[in-house]
Amino acid sequence: MSDAFNEREKGFEAKFRLDQELEFKINARRDKLFGLWAAEAMGMAGGGAEAYARSVIAADLEEKGDDDVIRKVFRDLQQHEVDITEGRLRIKLEKFHAEARRQLMSEIESGSDKT
């Protein structure tokens, strides 16, 4: 009986790890999409936009939650005189989260997870 319980517990732990890994990948993809969008709004293109998107991904590792990403992008957009509110940025971030989840789930289902 305890063997079955231990196996079940290991299964739950494995699922939890996979779920955490998936959420991390979704957030990284979301941050990249958000960063590319913000870069475009600031007039960046090509390598500059990609570098900016990487800086947004890195900013998300500073603290738990999304405030670090919002704060960075909001500050950068203000410096480039882009007229947007923090509230609108949060809505954009949520939309990019949904898009990142859709993209990753599609890649996983097709067997081409590229994260």
PDB file of N, CA and C in Angstrom:
ATOM      1  N   MET A   1       0.825  -1.201   0.000  1.00  0.00           N
ATOM      2  CA  MET A   1       0.000   0.000   0.000  1.00  0.00           C
ATOM      3  C   MET A   1       0.863   1.255   0.000  1.00  0.00           C
ATOM      4  N   SER A   2       1.947   1.250   0.783  1.00  0.00           N
ATOM      5  CA  SER A   2       2.793   2.437   0.810  1.00  0.00           C
ATOM      6  C   SER A   2       3.546   2.606  -0.500  1.00  0.00           C
ATOM      7  N   ASP A   3       3.814   1.507  -1.224  1.00  0.00           N
ATOM      8  CA  ASP A   3       4.454   1.627  -2.529  1.00  0.00           C
ATOM      9  C   ASP A   3       3.556   2.386  -3.505  1.00  0.00           C
ATOM     10  N   ALA A   4       2.286   2.087  -3.497  1.00  0.00           N
ATOM     11  CA  ALA A   4       1.336   2.778  -4.367  1.00  0.00           C
ATOM     12  C   ALA A   4       1.268   4.257  -3.993  1.00  0.00           C
ATOM     13  N   PHE A   5       1.272   4.542  -2.701  1.00  0.00           N
ATOM     14  CA  PHE A   5       1.234   5.932  -2.238  1.00  0.00           C
ATOM     15  C   PHE A   5       2.504   6.669  -2.674  1.00  0.00           C
ATOM     16  N   ASN A   6       3.656   6.013  -2.516  1.00  0.00           N
ATOM     17  CA  ASN A   6       4.927   6.632  -2.915  1.00  0.00           C
ATOM     18  C   ASN A   6       4.970   6.895  -4.419  1.00  0.00           C
ATOM     19  N   GLU A   7       4.492   5.959  -5.209  1.00  0.00           N
ATOM     20  CA  GLU A   7       4.454   6.135  -6.661  1.00  0.00           C
ATOM     21  C   GLU A   7       3.530   7.286  -7.040  1.00  0.00           C
ATOM     22  N   ARG A   8       2.400   7.353  -6.371  1.00  0.00           N
ATOM     23  CA  ARG A   8       1.451   8.432  -6.644  1.00  0.00           C
ATOM     24  C   ARG A   8       2.061   9.786  -6.273  1.00  0.00           C
ATOM     25  N   GLU A   9       2.741   9.826  -5.133  1.00  0.00           N
ATOM     26  CA  GLU A   9       3.393  11.053  -4.693  1.00  0.00           C
ATOM     27  C   GLU A   9       4.475  11.475  -5.691  1.00  0.00           C
ATOM     28  N   LYS A  10       5.266  10.530  -6.176  1.00  0.00           N
ATOM     29  CA  LYS A  10       6.292  10.835  -7.169  1.00  0.00           C
ATOM     30  C   LYS A  10       5.663  11.353  -8.464  1.00  0.00           C
ATOM     31  N   GLY A  11       4.537  10.785  -8.820  1.00  0.00           N
ATOM     32  CA  GLY A  11       3.829  11.248 -10.013  1.00  0.00           C
ATOM     33  C   GLY A  11       3.365  12.691  -9.879  1.00  0.00           C
ATOM     34  N   PHE A  12       2.813  13.022  -8.692  1.00  0.00           N
ATOM     35  CA  PHE A  12       2.376  14.399  -8.449  1.00  0.00           C
ATOM     36  C   PHE A  12       3.563  15.359  -8.468  1.00  0.00           C
ATOM     37  N   GLU A  13       4.681  14.941  -7.883  1.00  0.00           N
ATOM     38  CA  GLU A  13       5.868  15.791  -7.865  1.00  0.00           C
ATOM     39  C   GLU A  13       6.397  16.018  -9.279  1.00  0.00           C
ATOM     40  N   ALA A  14       6.393  14.976 -10.094  1.00  0.00           N
ATOM     41  CA  ALA A  14       6.853  15.104 -11.474  1.00  0.00           C
ATOM     42  C   ALA A  14       5.942  16.039 -12.266  1.00  0.00           C
ATOM     43  N   LYS A  15       4.633  15.904 -12.069  1.00  0.00           N
ATOM     44  CA  LYS A  15       3.686  16.779 -12.769  1.00  0.00           C
ATOM     45  C   LYS A  15       3.878  18.226 -12.327  1.00  0.00           C
ATOM     46  N   PHE A  16       4.090  18.422 -11.030  1.00  0.00           N
ATOM     47  CA  PHE A  16       4.312  19.770 -10.517  1.00  0.00           C
ATOM     48  C   PHE A  16       5.556  20.388 -11.161  1.00  0.00           C
ATOM     49  N   ARG A  17       6.644  19.620 -11.253  1.00  0.00           N
ATOM     50  CA  ARG A  17       7.875  20.113 -11.885  1.00  0.00           C
ATOM     51  C   ARG A  17       7.635  20.468 -13.353  1.00  0.00           C
ATOM     52  N   LEU A  18       6.926  19.619 -14.063  1.00  0.00           N
ATOM     53  CA  LEU A  18       6.623  19.887 -15.473  1.00  0.00           C
ATOM     54  C   LEU A  18       5.759  21.135 -15.624  1.00  0.00           C
ATOM     55  N   ASP A  19       4.768  21.274 -14.741  1.00  0.00           N
ATOM     56  CA  ASP A  19       3.901  22.455 -14.783  1.00  0.00           C
ATOM     57  C   ASP A  19       4.702  23.729 -14.513  1.00  0.00           C
ATOM     58  N   GLN A  20       5.628  23.662 -13.555  1.00  0.00           N
ATOM     59  CA  GLN A  20       6.463  24.822 -13.227  1.00  0.00           C
ATOM     60  C   GLN A  20       7.371  25.170 -14.411  1.00  0.00           C
ATOM     61  N   GLU A  21       7.945  24.157 -15.029  1.00  0.00           N
ATOM     62  CA  GLU A  21       8.817  24.371 -16.185  1.00  0.00           C
ATOM     63  C   GLU A  21       8.024  24.988 -17.340  1.00  0.00           C
ATOM     64  N   LEU A  22       6.832  24.487 -17.581  1.00  0.00           N
ATOM     65  CA  LEU A  22       5.993  25.023 -18.647  1.00  0.00           C
ATOM     66  C   LEU A  22       5.646  26.484 -18.365  1.00  0.00           C
ATOM     67  N   GLU A  23       5.287  26.792 -17.132  1.00  0.00           N
ATOM     68  CA  GLU A  23       4.940  28.171 -16.789  1.00  0.00           C
ATOM     69  C   GLU A  23       6.146  29.096 -16.960  1.00  0.00           C
ATOM     70  N   PHE A  24       7.330  28.614 -16.613  1.00  0.00           N
ATOM     71  CA  PHE A  24       8.550  29.398 -16.806  1.00  0.00           C
ATOM     72  C   PHE A  24       8.756  29.691 -18.296  1.00  0.00           C
ATOM     73  N   LYS A  25       8.578  28.674 -19.137  1.00  0.00           N
ATOM     74  CA  LYS A  25       8.739  28.842 -20.585  1.00  0.00           C
ATOM     75  C   LYS A  25       7.692  29.801 -21.145  1.00  0.00           C
ATOM     76  N   ILE A  26       6.468  29.687 -20.652  1.00  0.00           N
ATOM     77  CA  ILE A  26       5.402  30.587 -21.108  1.00  0.00           C
ATOM     78  C   ILE A  26       5.747  32.026 -20.741  1.00  0.00           C
ATOM     79  N   ASN A  27       6.197  32.247 -19.507  1.00  0.00           N
ATOM     80  CA  ASN A  27       6.540  33.605 -19.078  1.00  0.00           C
ATOM     81  C   ASN A  27       7.720  34.164 -19.864  1.00  0.00           C
ATOM     82  N   ALA A  28       8.709  33.330 -20.152  1.00  0.00           N
ATOM     83  CA  ALA A  28       9.848  33.803 -20.948  1.00  0.00           C
ATOM     84  C   ALA A  28       9.391  34.178 -22.356  1.00  0.00           C
ATOM     85  N   ARG A  29       8.536  33.357 -22.950  1.00  0.00           N
ATOM     86  CA  ARG A  29       8.009  33.653 -24.295  1.00  0.00           C
ATOM     87  C   ARG A  29       7.162  34.921 -24.235  1.00  0.00           C
ATOM     88  N   ARG A  30       6.325  35.039 -23.217  1.00  0.00           N
ATOM     89  CA  ARG A  30       5.487  36.231 -23.048  1.00  0.00           C
ATOM     90  C   ARG A  30       6.355  37.478 -22.954  1.00  0.00           C
ATOM     91  N   ASP A  31       7.408  37.406 -22.158  1.00  0.00           N
ATOM     92  CA  ASP A  31       8.283  38.561 -21.980  1.00  0.00           C
ATOM     93  C   ASP A  31       8.979  38.930 -23.279  1.00  0.00           C
ATOM     94  N   LYS A  32       9.350  37.927 -24.072  1.00  0.00           N
ATOM     95  CA  LYS A  32       9.990  38.205 -25.358  1.00  0.00           C
ATOM     96  C   LYS A  32       9.001  38.910 -26.292  1.00  0.00           C
ATOM     97  N   LEU A  33       7.781  38.396 -26.374  1.00  0.00           N
ATOM     98  CA  LEU A  33       6.763  39.027 -27.218  1.00  0.00           C
ATOM     99  C   LEU A  33       6.480  40.459 -26.758  1.00  0.00           C
ATOM    100  N   PHE A  34       6.377  40.639 -25.456  1.00  0.00           N
ATOM    101  CA  PHE A  34       6.128  41.952 -24.853  1.00  0.00           C
ATOM    102  C   PHE A  34       7.294  42.889 -25.164  1.00  0.00           C
ATOM    103  N   GLY A  35       8.504  42.385 -25.021  1.00  0.00           N
ATOM    104  CA  GLY A  35       9.688  43.186 -25.294  1.00  0.00           C
ATOM    105  C   GLY A  35       9.790  43.583 -26.756  1.00  0.00           C
ATOM    106  N   LEU A  36       9.463  42.655 -27.656  1.00  0.00           N
ATOM    107  CA  LEU A  36       9.495  42.977 -29.086  1.00  0.00           C
ATOM    108  C   LEU A  36       8.446  44.029 -29.434  1.00  0.00           C
ATOM    109  N   TRP A  37       7.272  43.909 -28.817  1.00  0.00           N
ATOM    110  CA  TRP A  37       6.222  44.899 -29.042  1.00  0.00           C
ATOM    111  C   TRP A  37       6.683  46.277 -28.551  1.00  0.00           C
ATOM    112  N   ALA A  38       7.246  46.313 -27.341  1.00  0.00           N
ATOM    113  CA  ALA A  38       7.703  47.584 -26.770  1.00  0.00           C
ATOM    114  C   ALA A  38       8.837  48.170 -27.608  1.00  0.00           C
ATOM    115  N   ALA A  39       9.738  47.311 -28.063  1.00  0.00           N
ATOM    116  CA  ALA A  39      10.850  47.780 -28.896  1.00  0.00           C
ATOM    117  C   ALA A  39      10.320  48.435 -30.165  1.00  0.00           C
ATOM    118  N   GLU A  40       9.333  47.805 -30.779  1.00  0.00           N
ATOM    119  CA  GLU A  40       8.728  48.384 -31.981  1.00  0.00           C
ATOM    120  C   GLU A  40       8.093  49.735 -31.663  1.00  0.00           C
ATOM    121  N   ALA A  41       7.414  49.823 -30.523  1.00  0.00           N
ATOM    122  CA  ALA A  41       6.781  51.089 -30.130  1.00  0.00           C
ATOM    123  C   ALA A  41       7.814  52.189 -29.914  1.00  0.00           C
ATOM    124  N   MET A  42       9.042  51.792 -29.550  1.00  0.00           N
ATOM    125  CA  MET A  42      10.116  52.763 -29.330  1.00  0.00           C
ATOM    126  C   MET A  42      10.945  52.999 -30.586  1.00  0.00           C
ATOM    127  N   GLY A  43      10.556  52.347 -31.702  1.00  0.00           N
ATOM    128  CA  GLY A  43      11.242  52.560 -32.964  1.00  0.00           C
ATOM    129  C   GLY A  43      12.461  51.674 -33.184  1.00  0.00           C
ATOM    130  N   MET A  44      12.607  50.644 -32.372  1.00  0.00           N
ATOM    131  CA  MET A  44      13.740  49.724 -32.539  1.00  0.00           C
ATOM    132  C   MET A  44      13.374  48.641 -33.547  1.00  0.00           C
ATOM    133  N   ALA A  45      14.402  48.102 -34.183  1.00  0.00           N
ATOM    134  CA  ALA A  45      14.183  47.010 -35.135  1.00  0.00           C
ATOM    135  C   ALA A  45      15.379  46.074 -35.107  1.00  0.00           C
ATOM    136  N   GLY A  46      15.208  44.911 -35.722  1.00  0.00           N
ATOM    137  CA  GLY A  46      16.304  43.961 -35.885  1.00  0.00           C
ATOM    138  C   GLY A  46      16.963  43.543 -34.585  1.00  0.00           C
ATOM    139  N   GLY A  47      18.306  43.611 -34.595  1.00  0.00           N
ATOM    140  CA  GLY A  47      19.089  43.183 -33.439  1.00  0.00           C
ATOM    141  C   GLY A  47      18.816  44.009 -32.197  1.00  0.00           C
ATOM    142  N   GLY A  48      18.539  45.286 -32.387  1.00  0.00           N
ATOM    143  CA  GLY A  48      18.234  46.143 -31.240  1.00  0.00           C
ATOM    144  C   GLY A  48      16.954  45.714 -30.544  1.00  0.00           C
ATOM    145  N   ALA A  49      15.955  45.348 -31.341  1.00  0.00           N
ATOM    146  CA  ALA A  49      14.679  44.881 -30.779  1.00  0.00           C
ATOM    147  C   ALA A  49      14.872  43.554 -30.056  1.00  0.00           C
ATOM    148  N   GLU A  50      15.658  42.654 -30.647  1.00  0.00           N
ATOM    149  CA  GLU A  50      15.933  41.360 -30.017  1.00  0.00           C
ATOM    150  C   GLU A  50      16.678  41.548 -28.692  1.00  0.00           C
ATOM    151  N   ALA A  51      17.660  42.437 -28.687  1.00  0.00           N
ATOM    152  CA  ALA A  51      18.423  42.706 -27.463  1.00  0.00           C
ATOM    153  C   ALA A  51      17.512  43.295 -26.395  1.00  0.00           C
ATOM    154  N   TYR A  52      16.628  44.193 -26.803  1.00  0.00           N
ATOM    155  CA  TYR A  52      15.699  44.773 -25.837  1.00  0.00           C
ATOM    156  C   TYR A  52      14.784  43.689 -25.272  1.00  0.00           C
ATOM    157  N   ALA A  53      14.278  42.806 -26.120  1.00  0.00           N
ATOM    158  CA  ALA A  53      13.403  41.727 -25.649  1.00  0.00           C
ATOM    159  C   ALA A  53      14.140  40.849 -24.633  1.00  0.00           C
ATOM    160  N   ARG A  54      15.419  40.570 -24.877  1.00  0.00           N
ATOM    161  CA  ARG A  54      16.202  39.781 -23.908  1.00  0.00           C
ATOM    162  C   ARG A  54      16.328  40.524 -22.581  1.00  0.00           C
ATOM    163  N   SER A  55      16.437  41.848 -22.639  1.00  0.00           N
ATOM    164  CA  SER A  55      16.537  42.622 -21.392  1.00  0.00           C
ATOM    165  C   SER A  55      15.230  42.585 -20.618  1.00  0.00           C
ATOM    166  N   VAL A  56      14.113  42.480 -21.324  1.00  0.00           N
ATOM    167  CA  VAL A  56      12.811  42.353 -20.644  1.00  0.00           C
ATOM    168  C   VAL A  56      12.715  40.987 -19.974  1.00  0.00           C
ATOM    169  N   ILE A  57      13.167  39.944 -20.655  1.00  0.00           N
ATOM    170  CA  ILE A  57      13.182  38.600 -20.055  1.00  0.00           C
ATOM    171  C   ILE A  57      14.029  38.624 -18.790  1.00  0.00           C
ATOM    172  N   ALA A  58      15.197  39.241 -18.851  1.00  0.00           N
ATOM    173  CA  ALA A  58      16.088  39.311 -17.687  1.00  0.00           C
ATOM    174  C   ALA A  58      15.451  40.104 -16.544  1.00  0.00           C
ATOM    175  N   ALA A  59      14.721  41.151 -16.887  1.00  0.00           N
ATOM    176  CA  ALA A  59      14.080  41.966 -15.849  1.00  0.00           C
ATOM    177  C   ALA A  59      13.061  41.157 -15.059  1.00  0.00           C
ATOM    178  N   ASP A  60      12.441  40.177 -15.718  1.00  0.00           N
ATOM    179  CA  ASP A  60      11.420  39.377 -15.047  1.00  0.00           C
ATOM    180  C   ASP A  60      12.018  38.468 -13.977  1.00  0.00           C
ATOM    181  N   LEU A  61      13.321  38.309 -13.958  1.00  0.00           N
ATOM    182  CA  LEU A  61      13.971  37.450 -12.968  1.00  0.00           C
ATOM    183  C   LEU A  61      14.351  38.221 -11.712  1.00  0.00           C
ATOM    184  N   GLU A  62      14.106  39.522 -11.694  1.00  0.00           N
ATOM    185  CA  GLU A  62      14.509  40.358 -10.563  1.00  0.00           C
ATOM    186  C   GLU A  62      13.664  40.121  -9.320  1.00  0.00           C
ATOM    187  N   GLU A  63      12.367  39.941  -9.493  1.00  0.00           N
ATOM    188  CA  GLU A  63      11.480  39.728  -8.339  1.00  0.00           C
ATOM    189  C   GLU A  63      10.277  38.908  -8.776  1.00  0.00           C
ATOM    190  N   LYS A  64       9.588  38.356  -7.803  1.00  0.00           N
ATOM    191  CA  LYS A  64       8.407  37.547  -8.084  1.00  0.00           C
ATOM    192  C   LYS A  64       7.289  38.441  -8.609  1.00  0.00           C
ATOM    193  N   GLY A  65       6.547  37.938  -9.551  1.00  0.00           N
ATOM    194  CA  GLY A  65       5.437  38.700 -10.108  1.00  0.00           C
ATOM    195  C   GLY A  65       5.843  39.467 -11.347  1.00  0.00           C
ATOM    196  N   ASP A  66       4.945  40.303 -11.814  1.00  0.00           N
ATOM    197  CA  ASP A  66       5.142  41.023 -13.066  1.00  0.00           C
ATOM    198  C   ASP A  66       5.542  42.479 -12.897  1.00  0.00           C
ATOM    199  N   ASP A  67       5.578  42.960 -11.665  1.00  0.00           N
ATOM    200  CA  ASP A  67       5.860  44.377 -11.452  1.00  0.00           C
ATOM    201  C   ASP A  67       7.211  44.797 -12.004  1.00  0.00           C
ATOM    202  N   ASP A  68       8.217  43.918 -11.924  1.00  0.00           N
ATOM    203  CA  ASP A  68       9.542  44.272 -12.428  1.00  0.00           C
ATOM    204  C   ASP A  68       9.523  44.483 -13.938  1.00  0.00           C
ATOM    205  N   VAL A  69       8.786  43.664 -14.653  1.00  0.00           N
ATOM    206  CA  VAL A  69       8.687  43.794 -16.114  1.00  0.00           C
ATOM    207  C   VAL A  69       7.911  45.054 -16.478  1.00  0.00           C
ATOM    208  N   ILE A  70       6.787  45.252 -15.835  1.00  0.00           N
ATOM    209  CA  ILE A  70       5.962  46.441 -16.107  1.00  0.00           C
ATOM    210  C   ILE A  70       6.757  47.705 -15.819  1.00  0.00           C
ATOM    211  N   ARG A  71       7.446  47.729 -14.691  1.00  0.00           N
ATOM    212  CA  ARG A  71       8.226  48.910 -14.303  1.00  0.00           C
ATOM    213  C   ARG A  71       9.298  49.222 -15.353  1.00  0.00           C
ATOM    214  N   LYS A  72      10.022  48.214 -15.799  1.00  0.00           N
ATOM    215  CA  LYS A  72      11.078  48.421 -16.792  1.00  0.00           C
ATOM    216  C   LYS A  72      10.509  48.949 -18.101  1.00  0.00           C
ATOM    217  N   VAL A  73       9.514  48.264 -18.632  1.00  0.00           N
ATOM    218  CA  VAL A  73       8.963  48.650 -19.935  1.00  0.00           C
ATOM    219  C   VAL A  73       8.286  50.016 -19.855  1.00  0.00           C
ATOM    220  N   PHE A  74       7.560  50.266 -18.777  1.00  0.00           N
ATOM    221  CA  PHE A  74       6.892  51.562 -18.620  1.00  0.00           C
ATOM    222  C   PHE A  74       7.930  52.686 -18.601  1.00  0.00           C
ATOM    223  N   ARG A  75       8.989  52.509 -17.832  1.00  0.00           N
ATOM    224  CA  ARG A  75      10.053  53.518 -17.744  1.00  0.00           C
ATOM    225  C   ARG A  75      10.695  53.737 -19.118  1.00  0.00           C
ATOM    226  N   ASP A  76      10.999  52.649 -19.817  1.00  0.00           N
ATOM    227  CA  ASP A  76      11.632  52.760 -21.125  1.00  0.00           C
ATOM    228  C   ASP A  76      10.716  53.443 -22.140  1.00  0.00           C
ATOM    229  N   LEU A  77       9.434  53.088 -22.115  1.00  0.00           N
ATOM    230  CA  LEU A  77       8.490  53.732 -23.038  1.00  0.00           C
ATOM    231  C   LEU A  77       8.352  55.219 -22.730  1.00  0.00           C
ATOM    232  N   GLN A  78       8.322  55.575 -21.455  1.00  0.00           N
ATOM    233  CA  GLN A  78       8.249  56.990 -21.083  1.00  0.00           C
ATOM    234  C   GLN A  78       9.469  57.750 -21.604  1.00  0.00           C
ATOM    235  N   GLN A  79      10.658  57.136 -21.483  1.00  0.00           N
ATOM    236  CA  GLN A  79      11.883  57.786 -21.963  1.00  0.00           C
ATOM    237  C   GLN A  79      11.844  58.014 -23.471  1.00  0.00           C
ATOM    238  N   HIS A  80      11.112  57.172 -24.170  1.00  0.00           N
ATOM    239  CA  HIS A  80      10.976  57.324 -25.625  1.00  0.00           C
ATOM    240  C   HIS A  80       9.683  58.062 -25.995  1.00  0.00           C
ATOM    241  N   GLU A  81       9.052  58.657 -24.996  1.00  0.00           N
ATOM    242  CA  GLU A  81       7.853  59.480 -25.176  1.00  0.00           C
ATOM    243  C   GLU A  81       6.702  58.724 -25.826  1.00  0.00           C
ATOM    244  N   VAL A  82       6.568  57.447 -25.472  1.00  0.00           N
ATOM    245  CA  VAL A  82       5.426  56.651 -25.921  1.00  0.00           C
ATOM    246  C   VAL A  82       4.330  56.831 -24.883  1.00  0.00           C
ATOM    247  N   ASP A  83       3.160  57.266 -25.329  1.00  0.00           N
ATOM    248  CA  ASP A  83       2.046  57.566 -24.431  1.00  0.00           C
ATOM    249  C   ASP A  83       1.256  56.290 -24.127  1.00  0.00           C
ATOM    250  N   ILE A  84       1.464  55.748 -22.922  1.00  0.00           N
ATOM    251  CA  ILE A  84       0.753  54.539 -22.493  1.00  0.00           C
ATOM    252  C   ILE A  84       0.711  54.531 -20.974  1.00  0.00           C
ATOM    253  N   THR A  85      -0.327  53.909 -20.435  1.00  0.00           N
ATOM    254  CA  THR A  85      -0.457  53.809 -18.973  1.00  0.00           C
ATOM    255  C   THR A  85       0.019  52.440 -18.505  1.00  0.00           C
ATOM    256  N   GLU A  86       0.308  52.350 -17.215  1.00  0.00           N
ATOM    257  CA  GLU A  86       0.683  51.057 -16.643  1.00  0.00           C
ATOM    258  C   GLU A  86      -0.456  50.056 -16.801  1.00  0.00           C
ATOM    259  N   GLY A  87      -1.676  50.533 -16.677  1.00  0.00           N
ATOM    260  CA  GLY A  87      -2.838  49.650 -16.832  1.00  0.00           C
ATOM    261  C   GLY A  87      -2.901  49.033 -18.221  1.00  0.00           C
ATOM    262  N   ARG A  88      -2.658  49.845 -19.232  1.00  0.00           N
ATOM    263  CA  ARG A  88      -2.655  49.320 -20.604  1.00  0.00           C
ATOM    264  C   ARG A  88      -1.500  48.351 -20.818  1.00  0.00           C
ATOM    265  N   LEU A  89      -0.367  48.610 -20.164  1.00  0.00           N
ATOM    266  CA  LEU A  89       0.759  47.679 -20.256  1.00  0.00           C
ATOM    267  C   LEU A  89       0.402  46.331 -19.641  1.00  0.00           C
ATOM    268  N   ARG A  90      -0.294  46.355 -18.522  1.00  0.00           N
ATOM    269  CA  ARG A  90      -0.697  45.099 -17.874  1.00  0.00           C
ATOM    270  C   ARG A  90      -1.656  44.306 -18.776  1.00  0.00           C
ATOM    271  N   ILE A  91      -2.539  45.007 -19.444  1.00  0.00           N
ATOM    272  CA  ILE A  91      -3.457  44.338 -20.381  1.00  0.00           C
ATOM    273  C   ILE A  91      -2.665  43.725 -21.528  1.00  0.00           C
ATOM    274  N   LYS A  92      -1.696  44.469 -22.068  1.00  0.00           N
ATOM    275  CA  LYS A  92      -0.842  43.939 -23.139  1.00  0.00           C
ATOM    276  C   LYS A  92      -0.097  42.694 -22.659  1.00  0.00           C
ATOM    277  N   LEU A  93       0.441  42.753 -21.441  1.00  0.00           N
ATOM    278  CA  LEU A  93       1.194  41.627 -20.896  1.00  0.00           C
ATOM    279  C   LEU A  93       0.302  40.396 -20.775  1.00  0.00           C
ATOM    280  N   GLU A  94      -0.940  40.591 -20.338  1.00  0.00           N
ATOM    281  CA  GLU A  94      -1.885  39.470 -20.239  1.00  0.00           C
ATOM    282  C   GLU A  94      -2.170  38.871 -21.617  1.00  0.00           C
ATOM    283  N   LYS A  95      -2.334  39.727 -22.615  1.00  0.00           N
ATOM    284  CA  LYS A  95      -2.588  39.238 -23.978  1.00  0.00           C
ATOM    285  C   LYS A  95      -1.388  38.455 -24.497  1.00  0.00           C
ATOM    286  N   PHE A  96      -0.186  38.945 -24.221  1.00  0.00           N
ATOM    287  CA  PHE A  96       1.006  38.217 -24.649  1.00  0.00           C
ATOM    288  C   PHE A  96       1.169  36.907 -23.879  1.00  0.00           C
ATOM    289  N   HIS A  97       0.694  36.867 -22.642  1.00  0.00           N
ATOM    290  CA  HIS A  97       0.734  35.613 -21.880  1.00  0.00           C
ATOM    291  C   HIS A  97      -0.153  34.570 -22.552  1.00  0.00           C
ATOM    292  N   ALA A  98      -1.349  34.984 -22.937  1.00  0.00           N
ATOM    293  CA  ALA A  98      -2.266  34.068 -23.623  1.00  0.00           C
ATOM    294  C   ALA A  98      -1.675  33.602 -24.949  1.00  0.00           C
ATOM    295  N   GLU A  99      -1.053  34.513 -25.681  1.00  0.00           N
ATOM    296  CA  GLU A  99      -0.444  34.158 -26.962  1.00  0.00           C
ATOM    297  C   GLU A  99       0.745  33.215 -26.763  1.00  0.00           C
ATOM    298  N   ALA A 100       1.559  33.482 -25.767  1.00  0.00           N
ATOM    299  CA  ALA A 100       2.711  32.619 -25.489  1.00  0.00           C
ATOM    300  C   ALA A 100       2.246  31.218 -25.112  1.00  0.00           C
ATOM    301  N   ARG A 101       1.210  31.128 -24.290  1.00  0.00           N
ATOM    302  CA  ARG A 101       0.659  29.813 -23.917  1.00  0.00           C
ATOM    303  C   ARG A 101       0.148  29.089 -25.157  1.00  0.00           C
ATOM    304  N   ARG A 102      -0.580  29.802 -26.010  1.00  0.00           N
ATOM    305  CA  ARG A 102      -1.115  29.193 -27.225  1.00  0.00           C
ATOM    306  C   ARG A 102       0.020  28.681 -28.108  1.00  0.00           C
ATOM    307  N   GLN A 103       1.048  29.502 -28.292  1.00  0.00           N
ATOM    308  CA  GLN A 103       2.176  29.105 -29.129  1.00  0.00           C
ATOM    309  C   GLN A 103       2.879  27.868 -28.580  1.00  0.00           C
ATOM    310  N   LEU A 104       3.175  27.890 -27.289  1.00  0.00           N
ATOM    311  CA  LEU A 104       3.895  26.764 -26.698  1.00  0.00           C
ATOM    312  C   LEU A 104       3.080  25.481 -26.722  1.00  0.00           C
ATOM    313  N   MET A 105       1.798  25.582 -26.408  1.00  0.00           N
ATOM    314  CA  MET A 105       0.955  24.388 -26.417  1.00  0.00           C
ATOM    315  C   MET A 105       0.868  23.826 -27.829  1.00  0.00           C
ATOM    316  N   SER A 106       0.812  24.693 -28.816  1.00  0.00           N
ATOM    317  CA  SER A 106       0.782  24.257 -30.207  1.00  0.00           C
ATOM    318  C   SER A 106       2.090  23.543 -30.562  1.00  0.00           C
ATOM    319  N   GLU A 107       3.206  24.095 -30.124  1.00  0.00           N
ATOM    320  CA  GLU A 107       4.501  23.472 -30.389  1.00  0.00           C
ATOM    321  C   GLU A 107       4.624  22.116 -29.688  1.00  0.00           C
ATOM    322  N   ILE A 108       4.145  22.042 -28.466  1.00  0.00           N
ATOM    323  CA  ILE A 108       4.203  20.791 -27.716  1.00  0.00           C
ATOM    324  C   ILE A 108       3.352  19.736 -28.395  1.00  0.00           C
ATOM    325  N   GLU A 109       2.132  20.134 -28.800  1.00  0.00           N
ATOM    326  CA  GLU A 109       1.228  19.178 -29.461  1.00  0.00           C
ATOM    327  C   GLU A 109       1.796  18.686 -30.788  1.00  0.00           C
ATOM    328  N   SER A 110       2.530  19.562 -31.491  1.00  0.00           N
ATOM    329  CA  SER A 110       3.096  19.151 -32.778  1.00  0.00           C
ATOM    330  C   SER A 110       4.467  18.489 -32.614  1.00  0.00           C
ATOM    331  N   GLY A 111       4.966  18.486 -31.374  1.00  0.00           N
ATOM    332  CA  GLY A 111       6.258  17.855 -31.112  1.00  0.00           C
ATOM    333  C   GLY A 111       7.451  18.719 -31.487  1.00  0.00           C
ATOM    334  N   SER A 112       7.238  20.020 -31.595  1.00  0.00           N
ATOM    335  CA  SER A 112       8.339  20.904 -31.993  1.00  0.00           C
ATOM    336  C   SER A 112       8.596  21.983 -30.942  1.00  0.00           C
ATOM    337  N   ASP A 113       8.605  21.609 -29.668  1.00  0.00           N
ATOM    338  CA  ASP A 113       8.856  22.552 -28.579  1.00  0.00           C
ATOM    339  C   ASP A 113      10.247  23.162 -28.764  1.00  0.00           C
ATOM    340  N   LYS A 114      10.297  24.486 -29.101  1.00  0.00           N
ATOM    341  CA  LYS A 114      11.557  25.156 -29.399  1.00  0.00           C
ATOM    342  C   LYS A 114      12.016  26.088 -28.302  1.00  0.00           C
ATOM    343  N   THR A 115      11.552  25.950 -27.103  1.00  0.00           N
ATOM    344  CA  THR A 115      11.926  26.897 -26.060  1.00  0.00           C
ATOM    345  C   THR A 115      13.260  26.591 -25.463  1.00  0.00           C
TER     346      THR A 115
END
